[in-house]
Amino acid sequence: MIDLQDIVEQRLSGTADEGLVNTSEVMDDWGVITFYDGSGNVIRCEFIETERSWKRRDAVQDYNDLISEGVEVLVIVPESVLESVDNFLGIYAHPDVQLSSMDELGIMIHEIIPP
């Protein structure tokens, strides 16, 4: 299992110089970082998806809803599923949904070893 909290922290450290306020949340097997402007308006959401979580029933709807509200959306996935996710989003997602691999963003994936 991927250490999502570590990935969120790596991403936050990579975006710290943007001067935006942010919140982050890690669910079972996916996470989201939400960025706000100085007035508290959501301006960007970054979804950190795993090899399985990008298939969540509501994932694409979440992305599309945010885009329709004028929020920038970036979906971050492991390199191993990048092509599959790209094909899927190309069919079902709004064209403004952005996609990147963890490798492209310099994120190191660490596995959690169960006790």
C-alpha atoms as a PDB file:
ATOM      1  CA  MET A   1       0.000   0.000   0.000  1.00  0.00           C
ATOM      2  CA  ILE A   2       1.253   3.472  -0.927  1.00  0.00           C
ATOM      3  CA  ASP A   3       1.968   5.936   1.890  1.00  0.00           C
ATOM      4  CA  LEU A   4      -0.468   8.635   0.769  1.00  0.00           C
ATOM      5  CA  GLN A   5       0.262  10.952   3.680  1.00  0.00           C
ATOM      6  CA  ASP A   6       3.912  11.027   2.623  1.00  0.00           C
ATOM      7  CA  ILE A   7       2.925  11.786  -0.977  1.00  0.00           C
ATOM      8  CA  VAL A   8       0.661  14.638   0.166  1.00  0.00           C
ATOM      9  CA  GLU A   9       3.492  16.067   2.271  1.00  0.00           C
ATOM     10  CA  GLN A  10       5.924  15.836  -0.653  1.00  0.00           C
ATOM     11  CA  ARG A  11       3.470  17.627  -2.916  1.00  0.00           C
ATOM     12  CA  LEU A  12       2.792  20.325  -0.332  1.00  0.00           C
ATOM     13  CA  SER A  13       6.509  20.984   0.068  1.00  0.00           C
ATOM     14  CA  GLY A  14       6.771  21.279  -3.720  1.00  0.00           C
ATOM     15  CA  THR A  15       4.033  23.915  -3.856  1.00  0.00           C
ATOM     16  CA  ALA A  16       4.935  25.883  -0.714  1.00  0.00           C
ATOM     17  CA  ASP A  17       6.404  28.799  -2.658  1.00  0.00           C
ATOM     18  CA  GLU A  18       3.114  29.559  -4.425  1.00  0.00           C
ATOM     19  CA  GLY A  19       1.852  31.491  -1.392  1.00  0.00           C
ATOM     20  CA  LEU A  20      -1.559  29.843  -1.366  1.00  0.00           C
ATOM     21  CA  VAL A  21      -3.437  28.578   1.671  1.00  0.00           C
ATOM     22  CA  ASN A  22      -4.132  24.863   1.464  1.00  0.00           C
ATOM     23  CA  THR A  23      -5.837  21.986   3.189  1.00  0.00           C
ATOM     24  CA  SER A  24      -5.273  18.305   2.623  1.00  0.00           C
ATOM     25  CA  GLU A  25      -7.212  15.181   3.335  1.00  0.00           C
ATOM     26  CA  VAL A  26      -6.310  11.521   2.931  1.00  0.00           C
ATOM     27  CA  MET A  27      -9.112   9.032   2.499  1.00  0.00           C
ATOM     28  CA  ASP A  28      -8.740   5.242   2.330  1.00  0.00           C
ATOM     29  CA  ASP A  29      -6.703   5.048  -0.861  1.00  0.00           C
ATOM     30  CA  TRP A  30      -6.726   8.571  -2.284  1.00  0.00           C
ATOM     31  CA  GLY A  31      -6.039  12.105  -1.181  1.00  0.00           C
ATOM     32  CA  VAL A  32      -6.875  15.661  -2.131  1.00  0.00           C
ATOM     33  CA  ILE A  33      -5.074  18.944  -1.638  1.00  0.00           C
ATOM     34  CA  THR A  34      -7.242  22.038  -1.935  1.00  0.00           C
ATOM     35  CA  PHE A  35      -5.671  25.444  -2.587  1.00  0.00           C
ATOM     36  CA  TYR A  36      -7.357  28.733  -1.685  1.00  0.00           C
ATOM     37  CA  ASP A  37      -6.635  32.311  -2.666  1.00  0.00           C
ATOM     38  CA  GLY A  38      -6.331  35.130  -0.131  1.00  0.00           C
ATOM     39  CA  SER A  39     -10.113  35.558  -0.068  1.00  0.00           C
ATOM     40  CA  GLY A  40     -10.743  31.912   0.781  1.00  0.00           C
ATOM     41  CA  ASN A  41     -11.951  30.918  -2.676  1.00  0.00           C
ATOM     42  CA  VAL A  42     -11.000  27.448  -3.915  1.00  0.00           C
ATOM     43  CA  ILE A  43      -8.780  27.890  -6.940  1.00  0.00           C
ATOM     44  CA  ARG A  44      -7.165  24.457  -7.379  1.00  0.00           C
ATOM     45  CA  CYS A  45      -7.660  20.873  -6.254  1.00  0.00           C
ATOM     46  CA  GLU A  46      -5.054  18.181  -6.688  1.00  0.00           C
ATOM     47  CA  PHE A  47      -6.300  14.615  -6.430  1.00  0.00           C
ATOM     48  CA  ILE A  48      -3.697  12.036  -5.515  1.00  0.00           C
ATOM     49  CA  GLU A  49      -4.913   8.709  -6.819  1.00  0.00           C
ATOM     50  CA  THR A  50      -3.520   5.204  -6.443  1.00  0.00           C
ATOM     51  CA  GLU A  51      -3.481   2.327  -8.902  1.00  0.00           C
ATOM     52  CA  ARG A  52      -7.023   1.495  -7.759  1.00  0.00           C
ATOM     53  CA  SER A  53      -8.584   4.707  -6.507  1.00  0.00           C
ATOM     54  CA  TRP A  54      -8.788   6.467  -9.880  1.00  0.00           C
ATOM     55  CA  LYS A  55     -11.555   3.976 -10.706  1.00  0.00           C
ATOM     56  CA  ARG A  56     -13.775   5.302  -7.887  1.00  0.00           C
ATOM     57  CA  ARG A  57     -17.326   5.676  -9.101  1.00  0.00           C
ATOM     58  CA  ASP A  58     -17.523   9.394  -8.290  1.00  0.00           C
ATOM     59  CA  ALA A  59     -13.962  10.419  -9.130  1.00  0.00           C
ATOM     60  CA  VAL A  60     -14.546  11.828 -12.610  1.00  0.00           C
ATOM     61  CA  GLN A  61     -17.783  13.466 -11.503  1.00  0.00           C
ATOM     62  CA  ASP A  62     -15.856  15.183  -8.685  1.00  0.00           C
ATOM     63  CA  TYR A  63     -13.273  16.459 -11.182  1.00  0.00           C
ATOM     64  CA  ASN A  64     -15.923  17.663 -13.636  1.00  0.00           C
ATOM     65  CA  ASP A  65     -17.985  19.375 -10.926  1.00  0.00           C
ATOM     66  CA  LEU A  66     -14.959  21.358  -9.779  1.00  0.00           C
ATOM     67  CA  ILE A  67     -14.058  22.358 -13.335  1.00  0.00           C
ATOM     68  CA  SER A  68     -17.619  23.601 -13.863  1.00  0.00           C
ATOM     69  CA  GLU A  69     -17.158  25.787 -10.764  1.00  0.00           C
ATOM     70  CA  GLY A  70     -14.020  27.339 -12.261  1.00  0.00           C
ATOM     71  CA  VAL A  71     -11.578  25.355 -10.119  1.00  0.00           C
ATOM     72  CA  GLU A  72      -8.352  24.062 -11.655  1.00  0.00           C
ATOM     73  CA  VAL A  73      -8.083  20.269 -11.274  1.00  0.00           C
ATOM     74  CA  LEU A  74      -4.917  18.182 -11.372  1.00  0.00           C
ATOM     75  CA  VAL A  75      -5.059  14.393 -11.070  1.00  0.00           C
ATOM     76  CA  ILE A  76      -1.797  12.807  -9.907  1.00  0.00           C
ATOM     77  CA  VAL A  77      -1.309   9.062 -10.440  1.00  0.00           C
ATOM     78  CA  PRO A  78       1.485   6.483 -10.328  1.00  0.00           C
ATOM     79  CA  GLU A  79       3.381   6.151 -13.610  1.00  0.00           C
ATOM     80  CA  SER A  80       2.153   2.549 -13.930  1.00  0.00           C
ATOM     81  CA  VAL A  81      -1.446   3.673 -14.599  1.00  0.00           C
ATOM     82  CA  LEU A  82      -0.808   7.003 -16.343  1.00  0.00           C
ATOM     83  CA  GLU A  83      -1.738   5.777 -19.825  1.00  0.00           C
ATOM     84  CA  SER A  84      -4.918   4.019 -18.642  1.00  0.00           C
ATOM     85  CA  VAL A  85      -6.034   7.064 -16.665  1.00  0.00           C
ATOM     86  CA  ASP A  86      -5.241   9.356 -19.596  1.00  0.00           C
ATOM     87  CA  ASN A  87      -7.407   7.240 -21.904  1.00  0.00           C
ATOM     88  CA  PHE A  88     -10.251   7.122 -19.364  1.00  0.00           C
ATOM     89  CA  LEU A  89     -10.177  10.848 -18.645  1.00  0.00           C
ATOM     90  CA  GLY A  90     -10.025  11.560 -22.374  1.00  0.00           C
ATOM     91  CA  ILE A  91     -13.416   9.887 -22.741  1.00  0.00           C
ATOM     92  CA  TYR A  92     -15.229  10.879 -19.542  1.00  0.00           C
ATOM     93  CA  ALA A  93     -13.566  13.949 -18.040  1.00  0.00           C
ATOM     94  CA  HIS A  94     -13.821  17.616 -18.944  1.00  0.00           C
ATOM     95  CA  PRO A  95     -10.921  18.525 -21.265  1.00  0.00           C
ATOM     96  CA  ASP A  96      -9.559  21.006 -18.697  1.00  0.00           C
ATOM     97  CA  VAL A  97      -8.815  18.263 -16.148  1.00  0.00           C
ATOM     98  CA  GLN A  98      -5.024  18.029 -15.984  1.00  0.00           C
ATOM     99  CA  LEU A  99      -3.132  14.767 -15.463  1.00  0.00           C
ATOM    100  CA  SER A 100       0.376  14.126 -14.201  1.00  0.00           C
ATOM    101  CA  SER A 101       2.323  11.170 -12.920  1.00  0.00           C
ATOM    102  CA  MET A 102       4.008  11.170  -9.544  1.00  0.00           C
ATOM    103  CA  ASP A 103       7.303  10.655 -11.368  1.00  0.00           C
ATOM    104  CA  GLU A 104       6.781  13.814 -13.456  1.00  0.00           C
ATOM    105  CA  LEU A 105       6.303  15.828 -10.256  1.00  0.00           C
ATOM    106  CA  GLY A 106       9.346  14.316  -8.542  1.00  0.00           C
ATOM    107  CA  ILE A 107       7.251  12.469  -5.967  1.00  0.00           C
ATOM    108  CA  MET A 108       8.899   9.416  -4.456  1.00  0.00           C
ATOM    109  CA  ILE A 109       6.499   6.567  -3.710  1.00  0.00           C
ATOM    110  CA  HIS A 110       7.011   4.789  -0.400  1.00  0.00           C
ATOM    111  CA  GLU A 111       5.165   1.637   0.517  1.00  0.00           C
ATOM    112  CA  ILE A 112       3.612   1.097   3.933  1.00  0.00           C
ATOM    113  CA  ILE A 113       4.653  -2.239   5.338  1.00  0.00           C
ATOM    114  CA  PRO A 114       1.852  -3.695   7.468  1.00  0.00           C
ATOM    115  CA  PRO A 115       2.836  -4.810  10.971  1.00  0.00           C
END
